[in-house]
Protein backbone atom coordinates (compact mmCIF):
# COMPACT_ATOMS: atom_id res chain seq x y z
CA MET A 1 84.45 88.14 61.86
CA ARG A 2 86.06 84.92 60.34
CA ILE A 3 83.89 81.77 60.16
CA ARG A 4 85.61 78.51 61.25
CA SER A 5 83.99 75.16 61.14
CA PHE A 6 84.23 72.31 63.53
CA ILE A 7 83.24 68.74 62.71
CA LEU A 8 81.05 67.35 65.47
CA PRO A 9 79.46 63.98 65.90
CA ALA A 10 77.01 63.29 63.20
CA VAL A 11 76.71 66.90 61.80
CA MET A 12 78.71 69.78 60.62
CA TRP A 13 78.25 72.72 63.07
CA THR A 14 79.47 76.18 61.57
CA VAL A 15 80.40 78.36 64.51
CA ALA A 16 81.11 82.20 64.02
CA ILE A 17 84.02 83.04 66.21
CA PRO A 18 85.15 86.73 66.38
CA LEU A 19 88.93 86.56 66.19
CA SER A 20 89.51 90.04 67.94
CA ALA A 21 91.45 89.84 71.30
CA GLN A 22 88.39 91.14 73.00
CA ASP A 23 86.27 88.25 71.83
CA THR A 24 88.53 85.23 71.79
CA LEU A 25 90.77 84.40 74.89
CA ARG A 26 93.58 81.97 74.37
CA PHE A 27 94.33 80.78 77.93
CA GLU A 28 97.23 78.51 79.02
CA PRO A 29 96.44 77.15 82.54
CA THR A 30 99.27 76.89 84.99
CA ILE A 31 97.55 76.00 88.06
CA GLY A 32 94.64 73.39 88.93
CA TYR A 33 92.48 74.04 91.96
CA PRO A 34 91.04 71.19 94.01
CA THR A 35 87.70 72.93 94.97
CA PHE A 36 84.93 74.67 93.48
CA ALA A 37 84.90 78.04 95.12
CA VAL A 38 84.93 81.91 94.97
CA ARG A 39 88.59 82.87 94.70
CA GLU A 40 90.90 85.34 92.77
CA PRO A 41 89.81 84.55 89.21
CA VAL A 42 92.61 83.49 86.64
CA ALA A 43 90.92 85.91 84.01
CA ARG A 44 87.99 88.09 83.60
CA ILE A 45 86.00 87.54 80.37
CA ALA A 46 83.02 89.36 78.61
CA PRO A 47 79.93 87.46 77.89
CA GLY A 48 80.18 85.97 74.41
CA THR A 49 83.84 85.23 74.77
CA VAL A 50 85.26 82.14 73.03
CA LEU A 51 87.70 80.42 75.43
CA VAL A 52 90.50 78.33 73.63
CA SER A 53 92.33 76.45 76.48
CA ARG A 54 93.08 72.90 77.70
CA THR A 55 92.49 70.97 80.92
CA MET A 56 95.17 70.75 83.48
CA HIS A 57 97.89 68.05 82.71
CA GLY A 58 99.41 66.01 85.60
CA ASP A 59 101.01 62.82 86.91
CA TYR A 60 97.53 61.31 86.92
CA TYR A 61 97.82 61.05 83.19
CA ASN A 62 101.37 59.81 82.89
CA PRO A 63 102.63 56.11 83.23
CA GLY A 64 102.12 54.92 86.81
CA GLY A 65 99.79 57.51 87.75
CA GLY A 66 99.96 60.18 90.32
CA ALA A 67 98.06 63.29 91.84
CA PHE A 68 94.82 64.55 90.10
CA PRO A 69 95.78 67.92 88.62
CA GLY A 70 92.63 69.88 89.62
CA GLU A 71 90.40 72.31 87.63
CA VAL A 72 91.06 75.10 85.29
CA GLY A 73 89.57 78.31 86.72
CA PRO A 74 87.68 80.38 87.94
CA PHE A 75 86.80 82.80 85.03
CA TYR A 76 85.11 85.90 86.23
CA VAL A 77 82.17 86.62 83.77
CA GLU A 78 81.77 90.53 83.45
CA GLY A 79 78.24 91.48 84.29
CA ALA A 80 76.94 88.07 85.51
CA THR A 81 74.56 88.23 88.42
CA THR A 82 72.43 85.83 90.36
CA ASN A 83 69.43 86.78 88.22
CA ASP A 84 71.05 85.18 85.12
CA MET A 85 72.31 82.00 84.13
CA LEU A 86 75.50 80.99 82.48
CA ARG A 87 75.52 79.63 78.92
CA VAL A 88 78.50 77.33 78.03
CA GLU A 89 78.49 76.09 74.33
CA ILE A 90 80.95 73.20 74.06
CA ILE A 91 82.49 73.67 70.52
CA ARG A 92 85.54 71.33 70.85
CA VAL A 93 86.64 68.61 73.50
CA ARG A 94 89.63 66.51 71.97
CA PRO A 95 92.27 64.55 73.86
CA ASN A 96 95.80 66.08 73.49
CA HIS A 97 97.72 63.16 75.05
CA ASN A 98 98.48 59.64 74.05
CA LEU A 99 97.53 58.03 77.51
CA ALA A 100 94.52 57.62 79.53
CA GLY A 101 94.46 56.03 82.93
CA VAL A 102 91.70 54.04 84.43
CA GLN A 103 91.94 53.01 88.08
CA LEU A 104 90.23 50.45 90.02
CA TYR A 105 90.09 51.22 93.83
CA SER A 106 89.38 49.01 96.62
CA ASP A 107 87.06 51.56 98.41
CA PHE A 108 85.63 53.61 95.57
CA GLY A 109 83.28 52.75 92.76
CA GLY A 110 79.83 51.60 92.17
CA LEU A 111 80.55 47.95 93.01
CA ALA A 112 83.26 48.30 95.73
CA THR A 113 82.59 48.19 99.53
CA ASP A 114 81.26 51.52 100.60
CA SER A 115 83.77 53.43 102.68
CA ARG A 116 80.86 54.73 104.82
CA LEU A 117 79.82 51.36 105.94
CA ARG A 118 81.75 48.20 106.96
CA LEU A 119 80.86 45.09 105.08
CA LEU A 120 82.16 41.46 104.96
CA ASN A 121 83.03 41.56 101.09
CA ASP A 122 86.65 41.03 100.03
CA PRO A 123 87.85 44.41 98.78
CA ILE A 124 88.42 44.85 94.98
CA GLU A 125 92.09 44.52 93.92
CA ALA A 126 93.49 47.94 93.13
CA ARG A 127 94.62 48.15 89.63
CA ARG A 128 95.52 50.58 87.07
CA TYR A 129 94.75 50.32 83.41
CA GLU A 130 96.76 52.49 80.88
CA TRP A 131 94.95 53.05 77.47
CA ARG A 132 96.91 53.95 74.48
CA LEU A 133 94.99 56.77 72.56
CA ASP A 134 95.30 57.53 68.82
CA GLY A 135 94.01 61.06 68.22
CA GLN A 136 93.92 60.67 64.56
CA ALA A 137 91.74 57.39 64.48
CA MET A 138 90.01 58.59 67.70
CA THR A 139 90.46 55.20 69.27
CA GLY A 140 91.66 53.80 72.51
CA THR A 141 93.42 50.46 73.13
CA VAL A 142 94.13 48.73 76.40
CA ASP A 143 95.51 45.39 77.51
CA LEU A 144 93.38 42.85 79.21
CA PRO A 145 95.79 40.69 81.25
CA ASP A 146 93.25 38.36 82.49
CA SER A 147 91.36 37.87 79.39
CA GLU A 148 91.34 35.55 76.41
CA MET A 149 91.26 38.37 74.01
CA GLY A 150 94.25 39.99 75.33
CA GLN A 151 93.49 43.62 74.36
CA ILE A 152 90.52 45.67 72.99
CA THR A 153 90.22 48.78 70.93
CA ILE A 154 87.19 50.99 71.17
CA ASP A 155 86.27 54.42 69.63
CA LEU A 156 86.49 57.57 71.71
CA GLN A 157 83.87 59.92 72.78
CA PRO A 158 85.51 62.74 74.60
CA MET A 159 83.69 64.63 77.14
CA LEU A 160 84.29 66.93 80.37
CA GLY A 161 83.64 65.52 83.73
CA ARG A 162 83.42 68.85 85.42
CA VAL A 163 81.97 72.12 84.43
CA ALA A 164 80.86 74.40 87.24
CA VAL A 165 80.27 77.64 88.78
CA ALA A 166 81.36 78.74 92.46
CA PRO A 167 78.66 77.24 95.06
CA ALA A 168 76.38 79.57 97.03
CA ASN A 169 76.74 80.83 100.60
CA GLU A 170 80.70 81.04 100.32
CA GLU A 171 80.92 77.24 100.40
CA ALA A 172 83.84 75.19 98.76
CA PHE A 173 83.26 71.66 97.42
CA ALA A 174 86.10 69.37 96.68
CA GLY A 175 86.49 68.40 93.10
CA LEU A 176 84.84 64.92 93.36
CA TRP A 177 81.27 66.74 94.19
CA PRO A 178 78.62 67.41 91.83
CA GLY A 179 75.72 69.65 92.86
CA ASN A 180 73.28 72.39 91.64
CA PHE A 181 76.50 74.11 90.91
CA GLY A 182 77.54 71.67 88.14
CA GLY A 183 80.73 70.20 89.50
CA ASN A 184 81.83 66.76 88.98
CA MET A 185 78.67 65.46 87.28
CA ASP A 186 80.61 62.91 85.05
CA VAL A 187 77.65 63.30 82.34
CA PRO A 188 78.64 61.95 79.01
CA GLU A 189 76.47 64.38 77.52
CA VAL A 190 78.82 67.18 78.24
CA ARG A 191 80.45 66.80 74.91
CA GLU A 192 81.05 68.73 71.60
CA GLY A 193 77.66 70.11 70.25
CA THR A 194 76.12 70.55 73.88
CA VAL A 195 75.20 73.73 75.44
CA VAL A 196 75.19 73.54 79.34
CA TYR A 197 73.23 76.10 81.35
CA LEU A 198 74.41 76.68 84.98
CA PRO A 199 72.79 78.68 87.69
CA ILE A 200 74.74 81.50 89.06
CA PHE A 201 75.14 81.96 92.81
CA ASN A 202 77.84 84.77 92.86
CA ASP A 203 78.16 87.82 90.88
CA GLY A 204 80.72 86.91 88.14
CA ALA A 205 79.68 83.23 88.21
CA TYR A 206 83.44 81.86 88.66
CA PHE A 207 83.35 79.36 86.00
CA TYR A 208 85.48 76.16 86.19
CA PHE A 209 86.02 73.27 83.84
CA GLY A 210 88.22 70.12 83.74
CA ASP A 211 88.35 66.23 84.10
CA GLY A 212 88.54 65.19 80.45
CA HIS A 213 87.30 61.60 79.73
CA ALA A 214 88.16 60.39 76.29
CA ARG A 215 85.24 57.86 76.92
CA GLN A 216 83.08 57.03 80.02
CA GLY A 217 80.20 54.52 80.30
CA GLU A 218 76.75 55.67 81.89
CA GLY A 219 77.17 55.52 85.64
CA GLU A 220 81.05 55.57 85.52
CA VAL A 221 80.65 52.17 87.54
CA ASN A 222 84.13 51.48 88.36
CA GLY A 223 84.81 55.00 89.42
CA THR A 224 86.83 56.51 86.66
CA GLY A 225 86.50 57.16 82.83
CA LEU A 226 89.52 57.08 80.32
CA GLU A 227 91.12 60.03 82.17
CA THR A 228 93.19 62.18 80.28
CA SER A 229 93.83 65.94 79.29
CA MET A 230 91.88 67.68 76.69
CA ASP A 231 92.05 70.73 74.25
CA VAL A 232 88.81 72.55 74.58
CA THR A 233 87.04 75.56 73.13
CA LEU A 234 84.12 76.91 74.94
CA LYS A 235 81.78 79.90 74.31
CA ILE A 236 80.96 81.53 77.60
CA ASP A 237 77.78 83.73 77.52
CA LEU A 238 74.98 84.80 79.69
CA VAL A 239 71.11 84.41 79.61
CA ARG A 240 70.02 87.58 81.37
CA GLY A 241 67.07 87.58 83.72
CA LYS A 242 66.67 83.79 83.88
CA GLN A 243 67.12 81.77 87.01
CA ILE A 244 67.24 77.87 87.06
CA ALA A 245 67.72 75.69 90.10
CA TRP A 246 69.82 72.83 88.45
CA PRO A 247 72.20 72.52 85.53
CA ARG A 248 70.30 72.32 82.15
CA LEU A 249 71.78 70.71 78.87
CA GLU A 250 70.83 71.01 75.18
CA ASP A 251 71.90 69.36 72.24
CA GLU A 252 70.59 68.72 68.59
CA THR A 253 68.07 66.19 69.72
CA HIS A 254 67.13 66.81 73.48
CA ILE A 255 66.66 69.21 76.35
CA MET A 256 68.10 67.73 79.58
CA VAL A 257 68.42 68.38 83.22
CA ALA A 258 71.18 67.13 85.50
CA GLY A 259 70.09 66.58 89.10
CA SER A 260 72.61 65.25 91.92
CA ALA A 261 71.75 63.70 95.32
CA ARG A 262 71.96 60.50 97.44
CA PRO A 263 70.04 58.17 97.28
CA LEU A 264 70.00 57.75 93.36
CA ILE A 265 66.26 58.13 93.44
CA ASP A 266 66.39 61.58 94.75
CA ALA A 267 68.80 62.58 91.83
CA PHE A 268 66.33 60.97 89.70
CA ARG A 269 63.46 63.11 91.13
CA LEU A 270 65.31 66.29 91.20
CA ALA A 271 66.11 65.98 87.42
CA HIS A 272 62.70 65.12 86.36
CA VAL A 273 61.01 67.84 88.49
CA GLU A 274 63.13 70.52 86.91
CA LEU A 275 62.38 69.00 83.46
CA VAL A 276 58.72 69.27 83.98
CA GLU A 277 59.12 72.87 85.24
CA TRP A 278 61.15 73.61 82.03
CA LEU A 279 58.46 72.28 79.80
CA VAL A 280 55.91 74.43 81.68
CA GLU A 281 57.83 77.64 81.76
CA ASP A 282 59.40 77.78 78.60
CA TYR A 283 57.44 75.77 76.23
CA GLY A 284 53.78 76.36 77.39
CA PHE A 285 52.79 72.87 78.69
CA GLY A 286 50.49 72.39 81.36
CA LYS A 287 52.11 71.11 84.61
CA TRP A 288 50.08 67.73 84.52
CA ASP A 289 50.23 67.57 80.82
CA ALA A 290 54.08 67.73 81.07
CA TYR A 291 54.15 65.34 83.84
CA MET A 292 52.23 62.75 81.67
CA LEU A 293 54.21 63.44 78.54
CA VAL A 294 57.68 62.93 80.53
CA GLY A 295 56.17 59.60 81.53
CA GLN A 296 55.81 58.58 77.95
CA LEU A 297 58.47 60.35 76.12
CA GLY A 298 61.22 61.06 78.72
CA GLU A 299 64.51 59.35 78.72
CA SER A 300 67.06 59.25 81.48
CA THR A 301 70.74 58.38 81.91
CA ILE A 302 73.04 58.04 84.80
CA GLY A 303 76.06 60.21 85.00
CA ASN A 304 77.82 58.63 87.86
CA ILE A 305 77.08 56.39 90.92
CA VAL A 306 80.34 56.68 92.53
CA ASP A 307 80.75 60.30 93.56
CA PRO A 308 79.66 61.53 97.23
CA ILE A 309 76.33 62.17 95.62
CA TYR A 310 75.04 60.69 92.41
CA THR A 311 74.10 62.41 89.10
CA VAL A 312 71.02 61.52 86.68
CA VAL A 313 70.11 63.29 83.60
CA ALA A 314 66.51 63.71 82.60
CA LYS A 315 65.87 64.14 78.79
CA PHE A 316 62.98 65.31 76.63
CA PRO A 317 63.12 64.78 72.80
CA LYS A 318 62.96 68.27 70.90
CA GLU A 319 60.84 66.76 68.04
CA TYR A 320 57.77 66.88 70.53
CA LEU A 321 58.48 70.48 71.47
CA PRO A 322 56.03 73.14 70.05
CA ARG A 323 57.60 74.83 66.97
């Protein structure tokens, strides 16, 4: 076994990666699927496999834009059952393209007229911004045609907008949807150094990933992040005999739960109920003690307010967990 090191934000993480063909899969995607569902897997992998791959590239990321390329997967995880949860360690997420597209839509976005309701507001002007990415400096630059400053350069914070398993009950959800299966949560915390735990609704899990954002603000208020393609390295594993109701995340400083619903308050409630239950079940807190502590120490971020249902992340700082 060879030890490889990856430089992650604020800390050097050393990751042991078995280099045998059995333990590492280098996968080149050739087709992107528009829905999360049970279908013929693109590959079957053993728990503990390190997946070295990339998100789908398509016209959406090219000058002028085009169709969204869809998600990579599904990967069938051998031995995964509905009594387990999927563990996805995000080792590397880095842009592999020099352009990121940001689109303003007239009827999509947190501040746009809602397509489900007629209003008298004038529609937002549809417009595409094309960011120039520098993968070495890890910066993005865009022109601001209506502004005095002319252009702006920001640092990149790469993430995956979509990590998912196949939904329950033979359902298929379009790629824009988040849910208890994960999906299009658009959570900036899904980045290098984070572990994502997903419930499993079908034997084999049927894992998907995609929708790279070179950066995205909390809420994804205009409807898109800096959309581009990514090189990814993920370690896919199982936590056997452990069931959860909603996606959980963990990084160096926090444990987190992502809840998705509409209205936004229901997403907030789902995430925080699951966070309280996590503190009770795994860390020995009493239910009302945990509820009180989340009220004092809890943090929350909004993944998106633009998808068919919204996503909120409830966080608890690890420094206050029992040792």
